[in-house]
Amino acid sequence: MRKSTIAFSVFALVATAAIPALADNFKRIKTSEEFSALVVGKKITWDGGFAVIRANGKTDGRLKKQGKYVGNWTFTKGFYCRNLVIKKEETGTNCQIVEIDGNKLRITRDQGKGATNIFNLK
C-alpha cells in the first residue's frame, strides 16, 4: 500500500510539473497599433456568430440568439473597449483584454476579470 501511495505522489508531482509545458502561446495585444494591424478589418467568428471591428471606430456583426448588432469601439490603455447596440438596446461599455495566437483570439471581459472566450480570426 505504501508503494502505491509513493508512486501516486510521484506521478502527481510529475504531472503538475508538466503543466507549464502545455501552456498556450497567446500574446496580449497592448497597443492600438498592434490591435489595428492584427484585428481591425478581419472577420472574427464563433459558433453561430461573427463580428467585424472596423477602422472607423465602428463594429458590427451577428449574434447567434440576438441577431444583428452595431456598435463603437476604441483601444484605450491596453484594452479593447466597445459599446454595442443589440435590438435597439445599448449594452454599456465593456473594456476587454485581447490576446492573439495565430488565427485565434482570446478575449476576457471586464478588464480581464470576467468571462473569457476564444474566437477564430479570418
N, C-alpha and C. Protein backbone atom coordinates (compact mmCIF):
# COMPACT_ATOMS: atom_id res chain seq x y z
N MET A 1 0.83 -1.19 0.00
CA MET A 1 0.00 0.00 0.00
C MET A 1 0.87 1.25 0.00
N ARG A 2 1.95 1.23 0.77
CA ARG A 2 2.83 2.38 0.84
C ARG A 2 3.48 2.66 -0.52
N LYS A 3 3.86 1.62 -1.27
CA LYS A 3 4.47 1.80 -2.59
C LYS A 3 3.52 2.49 -3.55
N SER A 4 2.23 2.12 -3.50
CA SER A 4 1.27 2.74 -4.41
C SER A 4 1.05 4.20 -4.04
N THR A 5 1.08 4.53 -2.76
CA THR A 5 0.92 5.92 -2.34
C THR A 5 2.10 6.76 -2.82
N ILE A 6 3.31 6.21 -2.67
CA ILE A 6 4.50 6.92 -3.14
C ILE A 6 4.47 7.08 -4.65
N ALA A 7 4.11 6.01 -5.35
CA ALA A 7 4.04 6.07 -6.81
C ALA A 7 3.03 7.12 -7.26
N PHE A 8 1.87 7.16 -6.62
CA PHE A 8 0.86 8.15 -6.98
C PHE A 8 1.37 9.56 -6.71
N SER A 9 2.04 9.76 -5.57
CA SER A 9 2.58 11.08 -5.23
C SER A 9 3.60 11.54 -6.26
N VAL A 10 4.47 10.62 -6.68
CA VAL A 10 5.47 10.95 -7.70
C VAL A 10 4.77 11.29 -9.02
N PHE A 11 3.77 10.50 -9.41
CA PHE A 11 3.02 10.77 -10.63
C PHE A 11 2.36 12.14 -10.57
N ALA A 12 1.72 12.46 -9.44
CA ALA A 12 1.05 13.75 -9.29
C ALA A 12 2.05 14.90 -9.39
N LEU A 13 3.23 14.72 -8.80
CA LEU A 13 4.25 15.76 -8.86
C LEU A 13 4.75 15.96 -10.29
N VAL A 14 5.01 14.88 -11.00
CA VAL A 14 5.47 14.96 -12.39
C VAL A 14 4.39 15.57 -13.28
N ALA A 15 3.15 15.15 -13.10
CA ALA A 15 2.05 15.68 -13.92
C ALA A 15 1.87 17.17 -13.69
N THR A 16 1.98 17.61 -12.44
CA THR A 16 1.84 19.02 -12.12
C THR A 16 2.99 19.83 -12.71
N ALA A 17 4.18 19.29 -12.66
CA ALA A 17 5.35 19.99 -13.21
C ALA A 17 5.25 20.14 -14.73
N ALA A 18 4.53 19.24 -15.39
CA ALA A 18 4.41 19.29 -16.85
C ALA A 18 3.40 20.32 -17.33
N ILE A 19 2.56 20.82 -16.46
CA ILE A 19 1.50 21.75 -16.87
C ILE A 19 2.05 22.98 -17.59
N PRO A 20 3.12 23.63 -17.12
CA PRO A 20 3.62 24.78 -17.88
C PRO A 20 4.01 24.44 -19.31
N ALA A 21 4.42 23.22 -19.56
CA ALA A 21 4.79 22.82 -20.92
C ALA A 21 3.57 22.83 -21.84
N LEU A 22 2.38 22.69 -21.26
CA LEU A 22 1.16 22.69 -22.05
C LEU A 22 0.58 24.09 -22.20
N ALA A 23 1.26 25.08 -21.67
CA ALA A 23 0.76 26.45 -21.70
C ALA A 23 0.52 26.90 -23.14
N ASP A 24 -0.44 27.80 -23.29
CA ASP A 24 -0.77 28.30 -24.62
C ASP A 24 0.25 29.34 -25.07
N ASN A 25 0.10 29.78 -26.29
CA ASN A 25 1.01 30.77 -26.87
C ASN A 25 0.32 32.10 -27.12
N PHE A 26 -0.77 32.37 -26.42
CA PHE A 26 -1.46 33.64 -26.61
C PHE A 26 -0.58 34.78 -26.12
N LYS A 27 -0.57 35.87 -26.90
CA LYS A 27 0.20 37.06 -26.56
C LYS A 27 -0.77 38.23 -26.47
N ARG A 28 -0.70 38.96 -25.39
CA ARG A 28 -1.60 40.10 -25.21
C ARG A 28 -1.29 41.21 -26.20
N ILE A 29 -2.35 41.75 -26.78
CA ILE A 29 -2.23 42.92 -27.64
C ILE A 29 -2.29 44.13 -26.72
N LYS A 30 -1.23 44.93 -26.71
CA LYS A 30 -1.11 46.01 -25.73
C LYS A 30 -1.28 47.41 -26.29
N THR A 31 -1.16 47.56 -27.62
CA THR A 31 -1.24 48.90 -28.20
C THR A 31 -2.31 48.97 -29.28
N SER A 32 -2.77 50.18 -29.54
CA SER A 32 -3.76 50.36 -30.59
C SER A 32 -3.16 50.03 -31.96
N GLU A 33 -1.86 50.25 -32.12
CA GLU A 33 -1.20 49.92 -33.38
C GLU A 33 -1.21 48.41 -33.62
N GLU A 34 -0.88 47.65 -32.59
CA GLU A 34 -0.93 46.18 -32.70
C GLU A 34 -2.35 45.72 -33.01
N PHE A 35 -3.31 46.28 -32.27
CA PHE A 35 -4.71 45.90 -32.44
C PHE A 35 -5.16 46.18 -33.87
N SER A 36 -4.82 47.35 -34.38
CA SER A 36 -5.20 47.71 -35.75
C SER A 36 -4.57 46.77 -36.76
N ALA A 37 -3.30 46.45 -36.58
CA ALA A 37 -2.59 45.60 -37.54
C ALA A 37 -3.08 44.15 -37.50
N LEU A 38 -3.43 43.66 -36.32
CA LEU A 38 -3.74 42.24 -36.17
C LEU A 38 -5.23 41.89 -36.21
N VAL A 39 -6.09 42.84 -35.83
CA VAL A 39 -7.51 42.51 -35.66
C VAL A 39 -8.45 43.34 -36.54
N VAL A 40 -8.21 44.64 -36.62
CA VAL A 40 -9.14 45.54 -37.32
C VAL A 40 -9.29 45.14 -38.78
N GLY A 41 -10.55 45.07 -39.22
CA GLY A 41 -10.87 44.75 -40.61
C GLY A 41 -10.99 43.27 -40.90
N LYS A 42 -10.65 42.44 -39.93
CA LYS A 42 -10.76 40.99 -40.13
C LYS A 42 -12.07 40.49 -39.53
N LYS A 43 -12.50 39.35 -40.01
CA LYS A 43 -13.74 38.75 -39.52
C LYS A 43 -13.43 37.85 -38.32
N ILE A 44 -14.12 38.10 -37.23
CA ILE A 44 -13.99 37.30 -36.01
C ILE A 44 -15.20 36.39 -35.97
N THR A 45 -14.97 35.09 -35.88
CA THR A 45 -16.09 34.15 -35.93
C THR A 45 -16.11 33.25 -34.71
N TRP A 46 -17.29 32.72 -34.44
CA TRP A 46 -17.52 31.74 -33.38
C TRP A 46 -18.77 30.98 -33.74
N ASP A 47 -19.09 30.00 -32.97
CA ASP A 47 -20.25 29.15 -33.25
C ASP A 47 -21.52 30.00 -33.33
N GLY A 48 -22.02 30.18 -34.53
CA GLY A 48 -23.28 30.88 -34.72
C GLY A 48 -23.18 32.39 -34.82
N GLY A 49 -21.98 32.95 -34.89
CA GLY A 49 -21.90 34.39 -34.97
C GLY A 49 -20.61 34.89 -35.58
N PHE A 50 -20.57 36.22 -35.79
CA PHE A 50 -19.36 36.84 -36.31
C PHE A 50 -19.36 38.31 -35.94
N ALA A 51 -18.18 38.91 -36.01
CA ALA A 51 -18.02 40.34 -35.77
C ALA A 51 -16.94 40.88 -36.70
N VAL A 52 -17.07 42.16 -37.04
CA VAL A 52 -16.02 42.87 -37.76
C VAL A 52 -15.78 44.17 -37.00
N ILE A 53 -14.53 44.39 -36.62
CA ILE A 53 -14.13 45.62 -35.95
C ILE A 53 -13.51 46.49 -37.04
N ARG A 54 -14.12 47.64 -37.29
CA ARG A 54 -13.74 48.46 -38.44
C ARG A 54 -12.80 49.60 -38.05
N ALA A 55 -12.00 50.05 -39.02
CA ALA A 55 -11.00 51.10 -38.78
C ALA A 55 -11.62 52.44 -38.40
N ASN A 56 -12.88 52.65 -38.75
CA ASN A 56 -13.54 53.93 -38.45
C ASN A 56 -14.12 54.00 -37.04
N GLY A 57 -13.80 53.03 -36.18
CA GLY A 57 -14.31 53.04 -34.81
C GLY A 57 -15.66 52.38 -34.65
N LYS A 58 -16.15 51.77 -35.70
CA LYS A 58 -17.44 51.07 -35.67
C LYS A 58 -17.21 49.57 -35.63
N THR A 59 -18.20 48.84 -35.15
CA THR A 59 -18.18 47.39 -35.19
C THR A 59 -19.58 46.90 -35.49
N ASP A 60 -19.67 45.76 -36.14
CA ASP A 60 -20.98 45.17 -36.43
C ASP A 60 -20.81 43.67 -36.58
N GLY A 61 -21.93 42.99 -36.53
CA GLY A 61 -21.88 41.54 -36.68
C GLY A 61 -23.22 40.91 -36.40
N ARG A 62 -23.17 39.61 -36.13
CA ARG A 62 -24.39 38.86 -35.85
C ARG A 62 -24.13 37.93 -34.68
N LEU A 63 -25.06 37.93 -33.74
CA LEU A 63 -25.01 37.04 -32.58
C LEU A 63 -25.98 35.89 -32.80
N LYS A 64 -25.64 34.74 -32.30
CA LYS A 64 -26.44 33.54 -32.54
C LYS A 64 -27.90 33.71 -32.13
N LYS A 65 -28.15 34.24 -30.95
CA LYS A 65 -29.53 34.35 -30.45
C LYS A 65 -30.16 35.71 -30.68
N GLN A 66 -29.35 36.78 -30.58
CA GLN A 66 -29.92 38.13 -30.66
C GLN A 66 -29.95 38.73 -32.05
N GLY A 67 -29.27 38.13 -33.00
CA GLY A 67 -29.26 38.66 -34.36
C GLY A 67 -28.21 39.73 -34.56
N LYS A 68 -28.49 40.65 -35.49
CA LYS A 68 -27.51 41.68 -35.86
C LYS A 68 -27.28 42.67 -34.72
N TYR A 69 -26.06 43.21 -34.69
CA TYR A 69 -25.74 44.28 -33.75
C TYR A 69 -24.83 45.29 -34.44
N VAL A 70 -24.75 46.47 -33.86
CA VAL A 70 -23.81 47.52 -34.28
C VAL A 70 -23.19 48.10 -33.02
N GLY A 71 -22.13 48.86 -33.19
CA GLY A 71 -21.51 49.47 -32.03
C GLY A 71 -20.32 50.33 -32.38
N ASN A 72 -19.69 50.83 -31.33
CA ASN A 72 -18.49 51.66 -31.44
C ASN A 72 -17.39 51.04 -30.59
N TRP A 73 -16.14 51.34 -30.94
CA TRP A 73 -15.04 50.81 -30.16
C TRP A 73 -13.87 51.78 -30.13
N THR A 74 -13.03 51.62 -29.12
CA THR A 74 -11.74 52.30 -29.02
C THR A 74 -10.75 51.31 -28.41
N PHE A 75 -9.48 51.60 -28.53
CA PHE A 75 -8.46 50.82 -27.84
C PHE A 75 -7.77 51.78 -26.89
N THR A 76 -7.99 51.59 -25.60
CA THR A 76 -7.55 52.54 -24.59
C THR A 76 -6.81 51.84 -23.46
N LYS A 77 -5.63 52.33 -23.14
CA LYS A 77 -4.84 51.83 -22.00
C LYS A 77 -4.69 50.31 -22.01
N GLY A 78 -4.49 49.75 -23.20
CA GLY A 78 -4.27 48.31 -23.32
C GLY A 78 -5.52 47.46 -23.38
N PHE A 79 -6.68 48.11 -23.49
CA PHE A 79 -7.95 47.38 -23.53
C PHE A 79 -8.75 47.75 -24.78
N TYR A 80 -9.41 46.75 -25.34
CA TYR A 80 -10.40 46.95 -26.41
C TYR A 80 -11.71 47.27 -25.69
N CYS A 81 -12.21 48.49 -25.89
CA CYS A 81 -13.44 48.92 -25.23
C CYS A 81 -14.51 49.09 -26.29
N ARG A 82 -15.66 48.48 -26.03
CA ARG A 82 -16.74 48.56 -27.02
C ARG A 82 -18.08 48.75 -26.34
N ASN A 83 -18.96 49.41 -27.09
CA ASN A 83 -20.33 49.64 -26.66
C ASN A 83 -21.22 49.19 -27.81
N LEU A 84 -22.03 48.18 -27.57
CA LEU A 84 -22.86 47.61 -28.63
C LEU A 84 -24.31 48.03 -28.48
N VAL A 85 -25.02 47.97 -29.60
CA VAL A 85 -26.48 48.15 -29.60
C VAL A 85 -27.05 46.87 -30.21
N ILE A 86 -27.81 46.16 -29.37
CA ILE A 86 -28.42 44.90 -29.78
C ILE A 86 -29.93 45.04 -29.61
N LYS A 87 -30.66 44.86 -30.68
CA LYS A 87 -32.12 45.03 -30.65
C LYS A 87 -32.51 46.36 -30.01
N LYS A 88 -31.84 47.43 -30.46
CA LYS A 88 -32.11 48.81 -30.04
C LYS A 88 -31.76 49.08 -28.58
N GLU A 89 -31.05 48.18 -27.91
CA GLU A 89 -30.64 48.40 -26.52
C GLU A 89 -29.12 48.46 -26.43
N GLU A 90 -28.63 49.53 -25.77
CA GLU A 90 -27.18 49.64 -25.56
C GLU A 90 -26.73 48.69 -24.47
N THR A 91 -25.57 48.10 -24.67
CA THR A 91 -25.03 47.16 -23.69
C THR A 91 -24.20 47.86 -22.62
N GLY A 92 -23.83 49.10 -22.88
CA GLY A 92 -22.88 49.77 -22.00
C GLY A 92 -21.47 49.43 -22.44
N THR A 93 -20.52 50.21 -22.00
CA THR A 93 -19.13 50.00 -22.41
C THR A 93 -18.51 48.87 -21.61
N ASN A 94 -17.81 47.99 -22.30
CA ASN A 94 -17.06 46.93 -21.65
C ASN A 94 -15.66 46.93 -22.24
N CYS A 95 -14.66 47.03 -21.37
CA CYS A 95 -13.26 47.02 -21.81
C CYS A 95 -12.68 45.64 -21.57
N GLN A 96 -11.97 45.13 -22.57
CA GLN A 96 -11.57 43.73 -22.58
C GLN A 96 -10.10 43.56 -22.92
N ILE A 97 -9.50 42.52 -22.34
CA ILE A 97 -8.14 42.13 -22.72
C ILE A 97 -8.26 41.30 -23.99
N VAL A 98 -7.41 41.58 -24.97
CA VAL A 98 -7.39 40.82 -26.22
C VAL A 98 -6.01 40.18 -26.35
N GLU A 99 -6.01 38.87 -26.62
CA GLU A 99 -4.77 38.12 -26.82
C GLU A 99 -4.88 37.38 -28.15
N ILE A 100 -3.74 37.15 -28.78
CA ILE A 100 -3.74 36.50 -30.09
C ILE A 100 -2.74 35.35 -30.12
N ASP A 101 -3.13 34.30 -30.82
CA ASP A 101 -2.25 33.16 -31.08
C ASP A 101 -2.58 32.68 -32.49
N GLY A 102 -1.81 33.15 -33.48
CA GLY A 102 -2.08 32.78 -34.87
C GLY A 102 -3.42 33.32 -35.32
N ASN A 103 -4.35 32.42 -35.66
CA ASN A 103 -5.69 32.84 -36.10
C ASN A 103 -6.73 32.69 -35.00
N LYS A 104 -6.28 32.68 -33.74
CA LYS A 104 -7.19 32.59 -32.60
C LYS A 104 -7.08 33.87 -31.77
N LEU A 105 -8.22 34.36 -31.32
CA LEU A 105 -8.27 35.49 -30.40
C LEU A 105 -8.86 35.00 -29.08
N ARG A 106 -8.25 35.43 -28.00
CA ARG A 106 -8.83 35.16 -26.68
C ARG A 106 -9.18 36.51 -26.08
N ILE A 107 -10.45 36.67 -25.75
CA ILE A 107 -10.93 37.95 -25.22
C ILE A 107 -11.51 37.70 -23.83
N THR A 108 -11.05 38.53 -22.88
CA THR A 108 -11.53 38.42 -21.50
C THR A 108 -12.21 39.72 -21.13
N ARG A 109 -13.49 39.62 -20.80
CA ARG A 109 -14.33 40.78 -20.49
C ARG A 109 -13.92 41.44 -19.18
N ASP A 110 -14.51 42.59 -18.92
CA ASP A 110 -14.37 43.29 -17.64
C ASP A 110 -12.92 43.51 -17.24
N GLN A 111 -12.14 44.07 -18.15
CA GLN A 111 -10.72 44.37 -17.94
C GLN A 111 -9.94 43.16 -17.44
N GLY A 112 -10.28 42.00 -17.98
CA GLY A 112 -9.56 40.78 -17.63
C GLY A 112 -10.10 40.04 -16.43
N LYS A 113 -11.18 40.53 -15.84
CA LYS A 113 -11.74 39.90 -14.64
C LYS A 113 -13.00 39.11 -14.91
N GLY A 114 -13.49 39.15 -16.15
CA GLY A 114 -14.75 38.50 -16.50
C GLY A 114 -14.55 37.22 -17.29
N ALA A 115 -15.59 36.85 -18.00
CA ALA A 115 -15.59 35.62 -18.80
C ALA A 115 -14.58 35.73 -19.94
N THR A 116 -13.98 34.59 -20.27
CA THR A 116 -13.02 34.50 -21.36
C THR A 116 -13.59 33.63 -22.47
N ASN A 117 -13.43 34.09 -23.70
CA ASN A 117 -13.87 33.32 -24.87
C ASN A 117 -12.77 33.31 -25.92
N ILE A 118 -12.74 32.24 -26.69
CA ILE A 118 -11.77 32.12 -27.78
C ILE A 118 -12.53 32.15 -29.10
N PHE A 119 -12.03 32.97 -30.04
CA PHE A 119 -12.67 33.18 -31.32
C PHE A 119 -11.70 32.86 -32.45
N ASN A 120 -12.24 32.66 -33.64
CA ASN A 120 -11.43 32.47 -34.85
C ASN A 120 -11.26 33.82 -35.54
N LEU A 121 -10.10 34.04 -36.09
CA LEU A 121 -9.80 35.29 -36.79
C LEU A 121 -9.53 34.96 -38.24
N LYS A 122 -10.32 35.57 -39.15
CA LYS A 122 -10.18 35.28 -40.58
C LYS A 122 -9.83 36.52 -41.36
